[in-house]
Protein backbone atom coordinates (compact mmCIF):
# COMPACT_ATOMS: atom_id res chain seq x y z
CA MET A 1 31.91 -33.24 2.76
CA LYS A 2 30.19 -29.64 3.45
CA LYS A 3 27.96 -28.20 0.18
CA ASN A 4 27.24 -25.22 1.37
CA LEU A 5 23.62 -24.76 -0.88
CA SER A 6 21.16 -21.55 -1.86
CA ILE A 7 17.48 -22.35 -2.85
CA MET A 8 14.98 -19.75 -3.39
CA ILE A 9 11.36 -20.62 -2.67
CA LYS A 10 7.68 -20.16 -4.33
CA PRO A 11 5.52 -20.32 -1.91
CA ALA A 12 2.49 -18.86 -2.64
CA SER A 13 4.08 -19.22 -6.38
CA SER A 14 3.14 -16.32 -8.99
CA MET A 15 0.09 -15.71 -6.32
CA CYS A 16 -0.07 -11.60 -5.47
CA ASN A 17 -2.08 -9.08 -4.14
CA MET A 18 -1.18 -6.10 -5.91
CA GLN A 19 -1.09 -6.11 -10.00
CA CYS A 20 2.72 -3.69 -10.88
CA ARG A 21 2.64 -2.27 -14.15
CA TYR A 22 6.17 -4.50 -14.57
CA CYS A 23 6.10 -7.54 -12.40
CA PHE A 24 8.43 -10.03 -14.51
CA TYR A 25 7.29 -12.93 -12.70
CA HIS A 26 3.97 -12.24 -13.71
CA SER A 27 4.44 -12.43 -17.40
CA VAL A 28 6.55 -15.71 -17.08
CA ALA A 29 4.22 -17.11 -14.94
CA GLN A 30 1.62 -16.81 -18.41
CA ALA A 31 4.21 -18.04 -20.41
CA ARG A 32 3.73 -21.78 -18.78
CA GLU A 33 1.23 -24.62 -19.18
CA GLU A 34 0.21 -23.73 -15.60
CA SER A 35 0.91 -20.41 -14.63
CA SER A 36 0.04 -20.65 -10.54
CA PHE A 37 0.91 -24.18 -8.62
CA GLY A 38 -0.85 -22.81 -5.47
CA VAL A 39 0.72 -22.35 -2.19
CA MET A 40 2.64 -25.08 -1.32
CA THR A 41 1.96 -28.20 1.22
CA HIS A 42 3.79 -28.92 4.26
CA ASP A 43 4.53 -32.30 2.04
CA THR A 44 6.36 -30.38 0.04
CA ALA A 45 7.64 -28.12 2.45
CA ASP A 46 9.27 -31.17 4.34
CA ASN A 47 10.91 -33.05 1.13
CA LEU A 48 12.43 -30.08 0.07
CA VAL A 49 13.68 -29.20 3.28
CA ARG A 50 15.07 -32.78 4.04
CA LYS A 51 16.19 -33.11 0.95
CA ALA A 52 18.33 -30.41 1.36
CA LEU A 53 19.85 -30.88 4.55
CA ASP A 54 20.87 -34.10 3.43
CA PHE A 55 22.83 -32.96 -0.19
CA SER A 56 23.92 -30.12 1.87
CA GLU A 57 25.91 -32.71 4.59
CA GLY A 58 26.26 -29.96 6.83
CA GLY A 59 26.87 -26.94 5.23
CA ALA A 60 25.23 -23.85 5.29
CA ILE A 61 21.81 -23.34 3.59
CA TYR A 62 20.14 -19.94 2.66
CA PHE A 63 16.84 -20.18 2.10
CA ALA A 64 15.29 -17.41 -0.14
CA PHE A 65 11.37 -17.10 0.12
CA GLN A 66 10.32 -14.81 -3.02
CA GLY A 67 6.90 -14.70 -5.42
CA GLY A 68 4.45 -13.58 -6.65
CA GLU A 69 4.08 -12.72 -2.61
CA PRO A 70 5.54 -15.13 -0.89
CA LEU A 71 3.16 -13.64 2.88
CA LEU A 72 0.34 -15.01 0.59
CA ALA A 73 1.45 -18.65 1.90
CA GLY A 74 0.54 -17.53 5.32
CA LYS A 75 2.52 -17.55 8.19
CA ALA A 76 1.20 -21.08 9.28
CA TYR A 77 3.49 -22.37 6.38
CA PHE A 78 6.33 -20.21 7.08
CA SER A 79 6.19 -21.22 10.51
CA ASP A 80 6.21 -25.68 9.99
CA PHE A 81 8.94 -24.63 7.46
CA VAL A 82 11.22 -23.47 10.35
CA SER A 83 9.88 -26.01 12.07
CA LEU A 84 10.89 -28.62 9.57
CA VAL A 85 14.57 -27.07 9.03
CA ASN A 86 14.65 -27.70 13.10
CA LYS A 87 13.81 -31.15 13.01
CA TYR A 88 15.94 -32.00 9.88
CA ASN A 89 18.89 -30.31 10.85
CA ALA A 90 20.68 -33.56 12.75
CA GLN A 91 24.01 -32.05 11.18
CA GLY A 92 24.27 -28.70 12.32
CA SER A 93 23.68 -26.48 9.20
CA ASP A 94 23.74 -22.98 9.60
CA ALA A 95 20.15 -21.96 8.28
CA TYR A 96 19.34 -18.64 6.95
CA TYR A 97 16.26 -16.92 5.99
CA CYS A 98 15.75 -14.66 3.48
CA LEU A 99 12.45 -13.44 1.91
CA GLN A 100 11.59 -10.85 -0.73
CA THR A 101 7.87 -8.93 -0.50
CA ASN A 102 5.67 -5.89 -1.24
CA GLY A 103 6.37 -5.25 2.26
CA THR A 104 1.85 -4.42 2.56
CA LEU A 105 0.98 -7.73 4.42
CA ILE A 106 3.70 -6.74 7.33
CA ASP A 107 2.13 -6.54 10.80
CA SER A 108 3.36 -6.76 14.30
CA GLU A 109 3.31 -10.64 14.00
CA TRP A 110 4.94 -10.81 10.84
CA ALA A 111 7.49 -8.46 12.38
CA ASP A 112 7.88 -10.36 16.10
CA PHE A 113 7.96 -13.81 13.32
CA PHE A 114 11.41 -12.20 11.04
CA ALA A 115 12.99 -10.79 14.30
CA LYS A 116 12.68 -14.04 15.90
CA HIS A 117 13.93 -16.09 13.41
CA LYS A 118 16.86 -13.59 11.90
CA PHE A 119 15.19 -13.40 8.34
CA LEU A 120 17.12 -10.74 6.27
CA LEU A 121 14.08 -9.29 3.93
CA GLY A 122 13.95 -7.51 0.70
CA VAL A 123 11.56 -4.50 0.50
CA SER A 124 10.34 -3.62 -2.49
CA LEU A 125 10.26 0.17 -3.24
CA ASP A 126 10.50 2.29 -5.76
CA GLY A 127 11.13 5.42 -3.66
CA ASP A 128 8.89 8.44 -2.48
CA GLU A 129 5.05 8.05 -3.01
CA ASP A 130 5.20 9.53 -6.14
CA ALA A 131 8.05 6.70 -7.53
CA ASN A 132 5.91 4.10 -6.63
CA ARG A 133 2.88 4.83 -9.27
CA PHE A 134 3.32 1.85 -10.97
CA ARG A 135 3.09 -0.12 -8.12
CA LEU A 136 -0.37 -0.51 -7.57
CA ASP A 137 -2.63 -3.20 -5.45
CA SER A 138 -5.32 -5.59 -7.72
CA PHE A 139 -7.91 -2.02 -7.35
CA SER A 140 -5.77 -0.38 -8.71
CA ASN A 141 -4.83 1.67 -5.40
CA GLU A 142 -1.57 3.45 -4.44
CA THR A 143 0.13 1.13 -1.74
CA PHE A 144 2.76 3.15 -0.97
CA SER A 145 1.62 3.45 2.64
CA LYS A 146 1.60 0.77 3.38
CA VAL A 147 4.97 -0.68 2.35
CA LYS A 148 6.01 2.59 4.23
CA SER A 149 4.14 1.01 7.48
CA GLY A 150 5.88 -2.21 7.24
CA ILE A 151 9.37 -0.81 6.76
CA ASP A 152 8.12 0.82 10.29
CA LEU A 153 8.16 -2.26 12.11
CA LEU A 154 10.28 -3.55 10.25
CA LYS A 155 12.94 -1.10 12.44
CA GLU A 156 10.46 -1.19 15.29
CA ARG A 157 11.34 -4.32 15.67
CA GLU A 158 15.29 -4.47 14.21
CA VAL A 159 14.76 -6.37 11.65
CA ASP A 160 17.67 -6.56 8.96
CA PHE A 161 15.91 -5.49 5.73
CA ASN A 162 17.26 -4.04 2.34
CA LEU A 163 15.18 -1.91 -0.14
CA LEU A 164 14.58 -3.30 -3.82
CA THR A 165 13.78 -0.76 -6.30
CA VAL A 166 12.80 -1.71 -9.95
CA ALA A 167 14.57 1.05 -12.70
CA THR A 168 12.16 2.37 -15.27
CA GLY A 169 12.99 5.27 -17.07
CA TYR A 170 11.29 7.64 -14.41
CA THR A 171 13.61 5.75 -12.21
CA ALA A 172 16.15 7.18 -14.54
CA GLU A 173 15.27 10.85 -14.85
CA HIS A 174 14.59 10.95 -11.12
CA ILE A 175 17.50 8.59 -9.44
CA GLU A 176 19.06 11.68 -7.25
CA ASP A 177 15.64 12.81 -5.84
CA ILE A 178 15.29 8.78 -5.59
CA TYR A 179 18.60 8.27 -3.91
CA ASN A 180 18.04 11.25 -1.20
CA TYR A 181 14.98 10.39 -0.11
CA PHE A 182 16.11 6.53 0.81
CA LYS A 183 19.05 8.39 2.68
CA SER A 184 16.92 10.49 4.43
CA GLN A 185 14.51 7.31 5.65
CA GLY A 186 18.01 5.86 6.90
CA VAL A 187 18.69 3.50 4.48
CA LYS A 188 21.89 1.67 4.10
CA PHE A 189 21.69 -1.26 1.44
CA LEU A 190 19.85 -0.53 -1.79
CA GLN A 191 19.04 -2.91 -5.36
CA PHE A 192 18.30 -0.96 -8.34
CA ILE A 193 16.84 -4.17 -10.54
CA PRO A 194 15.97 -2.84 -14.06
CA CYS A 195 12.68 -3.79 -15.63
CA LEU A 196 12.33 -6.15 -17.88
CA ARG A 197 9.87 -6.10 -21.16
CA PRO A 198 8.19 -9.44 -20.93
CA PHE A 199 10.08 -12.71 -23.80
CA GLY A 200 9.82 -11.36 -27.02
CA ASP A 201 7.87 -7.69 -26.28
CA LYS A 202 10.25 -4.94 -27.74
CA SER A 203 7.88 -2.43 -27.27
CA GLU A 204 9.07 0.79 -25.50
CA SER A 205 7.26 2.74 -22.46
CA ARG A 206 8.74 4.98 -19.59
CA LEU A 207 8.71 1.35 -18.00
CA TYR A 208 11.88 0.48 -19.71
CA MET A 209 15.47 2.32 -19.75
CA THR A 210 16.73 3.27 -22.74
CA ALA A 211 20.84 2.51 -23.40
CA ASP A 212 20.69 7.02 -22.98
CA GLN A 213 18.80 6.43 -19.83
CA TYR A 214 20.50 3.72 -18.36
CA SER A 215 23.87 4.93 -19.13
CA SER A 216 23.10 8.15 -17.59
CA PHE A 217 21.26 6.62 -14.62
CA LEU A 218 24.27 4.44 -14.02
CA ILE A 219 26.78 7.54 -14.63
CA ARG A 220 24.92 9.89 -11.61
CA LEU A 221 24.10 7.07 -9.14
CA PHE A 222 27.22 5.71 -9.88
CA LYS A 223 28.59 9.66 -8.57
CA LEU A 224 26.19 9.73 -5.56
CA TYR A 225 27.43 6.45 -4.59
CA VAL A 226 31.20 7.31 -4.49
CA ASN A 227 30.62 10.60 -3.27
CA ASP A 228 29.01 8.77 -0.06
CA TYR A 229 31.74 6.91 0.28
CA ALA A 230 34.40 9.16 0.49
CA LYS A 231 32.43 11.23 3.19
CA GLY A 232 32.00 8.02 5.05
CA GLU A 233 28.12 7.84 4.48
CA TYR A 234 28.60 4.66 2.43
CA VAL A 235 24.98 3.09 1.16
CA SER A 236 25.22 0.04 -0.25
CA ILE A 237 24.47 -0.07 -3.76
CA ARG A 238 24.47 -4.14 -4.70
CA GLN A 239 25.46 -3.75 -8.28
CA PHE A 240 27.76 -1.13 -7.74
CA ASP A 241 29.34 -3.14 -4.81
CA ASN A 242 29.79 -5.94 -6.66
CA TYR A 243 31.45 -3.79 -9.60
CA VAL A 244 33.79 -2.39 -7.14
CA ARG A 245 34.82 -6.00 -6.29
CA LEU A 246 35.32 -7.04 -9.87
CA PHE A 247 37.77 -3.65 -9.72
CA LEU A 248 40.03 -5.01 -7.04
CA GLY A 249 40.15 -8.58 -8.80
CA GLU A 250 37.70 -11.07 -6.28
CA TYR A 251 34.59 -12.13 -7.67
CA ALA A 252 31.20 -10.71 -7.78
CA GLU A 253 28.31 -12.37 -5.28
CA GLN A 254 25.69 -11.40 -7.88
CA CYS A 255 24.46 -14.21 -10.38
CA GLY A 256 25.60 -13.21 -13.65
CA MET A 257 28.20 -10.22 -13.02
CA ASN A 258 30.69 -13.28 -12.75
CA GLY A 259 30.32 -13.18 -16.98
CA PHE A 260 28.08 -16.37 -16.41
CA CYS A 261 24.99 -18.08 -14.31
CA SER A 262 25.73 -20.44 -11.10
CA ARG A 263 23.62 -22.86 -10.53
CA GLN A 264 19.97 -22.00 -8.66
CA PHE A 265 18.14 -24.23 -7.56
CA VAL A 266 14.53 -21.99 -7.36
CA VAL A 267 11.75 -24.10 -6.33
CA GLU A 268 7.76 -23.52 -7.43
CA GLY A 269 4.73 -23.68 -5.23
CA ASN A 270 4.29 -27.47 -6.65
CA GLY A 271 7.77 -28.48 -5.63
CA ASN A 272 8.74 -28.18 -9.80
CA VAL A 273 12.57 -26.99 -9.81
CA TYR A 274 14.05 -24.91 -12.44
CA PRO A 275 17.75 -22.86 -13.07
CA CYS A 276 16.70 -19.52 -12.56
CA ASP A 277 14.50 -17.38 -11.45
CA PHE A 278 13.56 -15.50 -14.96
CA TYR A 279 13.48 -18.62 -16.04
CA CYS A 280 11.22 -21.05 -14.13
CA LEU A 281 8.93 -22.18 -17.44
CA ASP A 282 8.20 -25.20 -18.62
CA GLU A 283 11.43 -25.73 -21.26
CA TRP A 284 14.27 -25.44 -18.29
CA LEU A 285 12.06 -27.73 -15.52
CA LEU A 286 14.72 -29.69 -13.86
CA GLY A 287 12.76 -32.18 -11.70
CA ASN A 288 10.94 -32.19 -8.67
CA VAL A 289 11.94 -32.23 -4.69
CA ASN A 290 8.98 -34.70 -4.09
CA SER A 291 10.77 -36.92 -6.49
CA ASP A 292 14.40 -35.82 -7.07
CA ASP A 293 17.13 -35.51 -4.72
CA PHE A 294 19.70 -32.05 -5.20
CA ALA A 295 22.49 -34.83 -6.60
CA THR A 296 20.29 -35.75 -9.15
CA LEU A 297 18.91 -31.85 -10.04
CA THR A 298 22.61 -30.42 -9.84
CA SER A 299 23.79 -33.03 -12.34
CA HIS A 300 20.43 -32.47 -15.07
CA PRO A 301 21.48 -31.72 -18.57
CA LYS A 302 19.66 -28.61 -18.74
CA ALA A 303 20.95 -27.20 -15.30
CA TYR A 304 24.53 -26.91 -17.71
CA GLU A 305 23.15 -25.78 -20.61
CA PHE A 306 21.84 -23.07 -19.39
CA MET A 307 24.95 -22.18 -17.74
CA ARG A 308 26.18 -23.46 -20.78
CA SER A 309 24.28 -20.57 -22.60
CA SER A 310 25.23 -17.79 -20.38
CA LEU A 311 28.10 -17.32 -21.21
CA ASN A 312 28.87 -14.36 -23.53
CA ASP A 313 32.36 -14.88 -25.25
CA SER A 314 31.86 -12.77 -28.51
CA ASP A 315 35.11 -10.73 -29.67
CA ARG A 316 33.41 -7.91 -29.43
CA CYS A 317 33.70 -8.19 -25.43
CA GLN A 318 36.59 -9.75 -25.45
CA LYS A 319 38.16 -6.92 -27.34
CA CYS A 320 36.73 -4.55 -24.78
CA ALA A 321 38.46 -2.52 -22.93
CA TYR A 322 36.28 -2.87 -19.56
CA VAL A 323 35.51 -6.52 -20.07
CA ARG A 324 37.50 -6.99 -16.65
CA VAL A 325 34.50 -5.36 -14.75
CA CYS A 326 31.33 -5.64 -17.24
CA ARG A 327 31.98 -9.44 -17.69
CA GLY A 328 29.96 -8.93 -21.03
CA GLY A 329 27.06 -7.27 -19.88
CA GLY A 330 25.73 -9.32 -16.77
CA CYS A 331 22.65 -11.29 -16.48
CA LYS A 332 21.59 -13.96 -19.81
CA ARG A 333 18.35 -12.26 -19.01
CA SER A 334 19.17 -8.57 -19.55
CA ARG A 335 21.19 -8.87 -22.26
CA ALA A 336 17.72 -11.19 -24.18
CA ASP A 337 15.56 -7.75 -23.73
CA ARG A 338 18.21 -5.43 -24.98
CA ASP A 339 21.82 -4.99 -25.55
CA GLN A 340 23.10 -2.46 -23.16
CA CYS A 341 26.71 -2.43 -23.91
CA SER A 342 26.90 1.09 -25.06
CA ALA A 343 25.19 2.29 -21.81
CA TYR A 344 28.10 0.12 -20.04
CA GLU A 345 30.80 1.38 -22.52
CA ARG A 346 29.74 5.16 -21.15
CA PHE A 347 29.63 3.97 -17.94
CA PHE A 348 32.75 2.40 -17.53
CA LYS A 349 34.48 5.32 -19.90
CA GLU A 350 33.65 8.28 -17.73
CA CYS A 351 33.27 6.48 -14.39
CA LEU A 352 36.22 3.69 -13.91
CA PRO A 353 38.46 6.52 -12.66
CA LEU A 354 36.71 6.58 -9.49
CA PHE A 355 36.89 3.17 -8.29
CA ASN A 356 40.18 4.47 -7.47
CA VAL A 357 38.42 5.20 -4.48
CA PHE A 358 38.26 1.77 -3.22
CA THR A 359 41.97 0.59 -3.51
CA ASN A 360 42.28 0.30 0.15
CA LYS A 361 39.32 -0.32 1.64
CA LYS A 362 36.21 -2.64 0.26
CA ALA A 363 32.74 -1.90 -0.35
CA GLY A 364 30.47 -4.39 -0.20
CA CYS A 365 27.88 -6.40 1.95
CA ASP A 366 26.60 -9.60 0.95
CA ARG A 367 23.07 -9.04 1.22
CA LEU A 368 19.38 -10.31 -0.35
């Protein structure tokens, strides 16, 4: 029976050519016994691709590459990976490629490769040059100009891409300027990802949104989103697209937004498999693609334990007037960082009537 499969791959492990002030995966890797597993070998990629295609039995497969910075694995790695998919795809699975990158390494050769193999890219950019103040390279230099050059190459080659923005306290204070900058650049697909503190860190700084900042950020950005939709100038914002789906009685496509974690396979550079990008930790290791098949990984007790632990069935949530769309505050990792319940209550109390704009037409596009 055909089984669709989504796999997140970290081909260069936690390696990166940048030192962003808020990098969540750096803190995750530092919490492991081994922080970096290096670049994925040909043999590990071979086992990963072959076992994934065997498990899917002709179902669609989404290979999503993240990091660290995945492009550090090199062009030969990605060419080899695509060749392996073609080699082992005897059952005719539809294979889709996604890649999240900081954008600084994109050159003409990379852009040609992405265009040829129809990669969907997620490029990290926090707005204009001033808004990118936290995204510095290993020598503490600005990276905005390099990222902008990479994006221009993607546009020239007509490569599909989204922009991924880490939402900080600074973002909340300047969201109108940031949103309008993206619009001025012709960007149509955005993701805003709240900045998370490292596990156990309860410090406060301009990096981390307070509940008041988060509610203000959501309300102001949602009004921009609705206004542009009503004017026929729709810009996809993934979180809001999924709230609209839930409001319309559909399922959210983004993990965590249905009220529980979905099953995920995150494959590190050495083949280790974990249930979530935020939890690539020693205690959540499910196995390794060099020794385990995906049927075994799927049924691993830790995988079920992880999904069960994500359910938010508190009385407070179940009695909340907005639980139908809020679904308990979203991602398990975000809830572990900060209780944003008051922020969601303020957002939905003010903005829920605006959701009626979408009653006759559906917003959203399934993107990276």
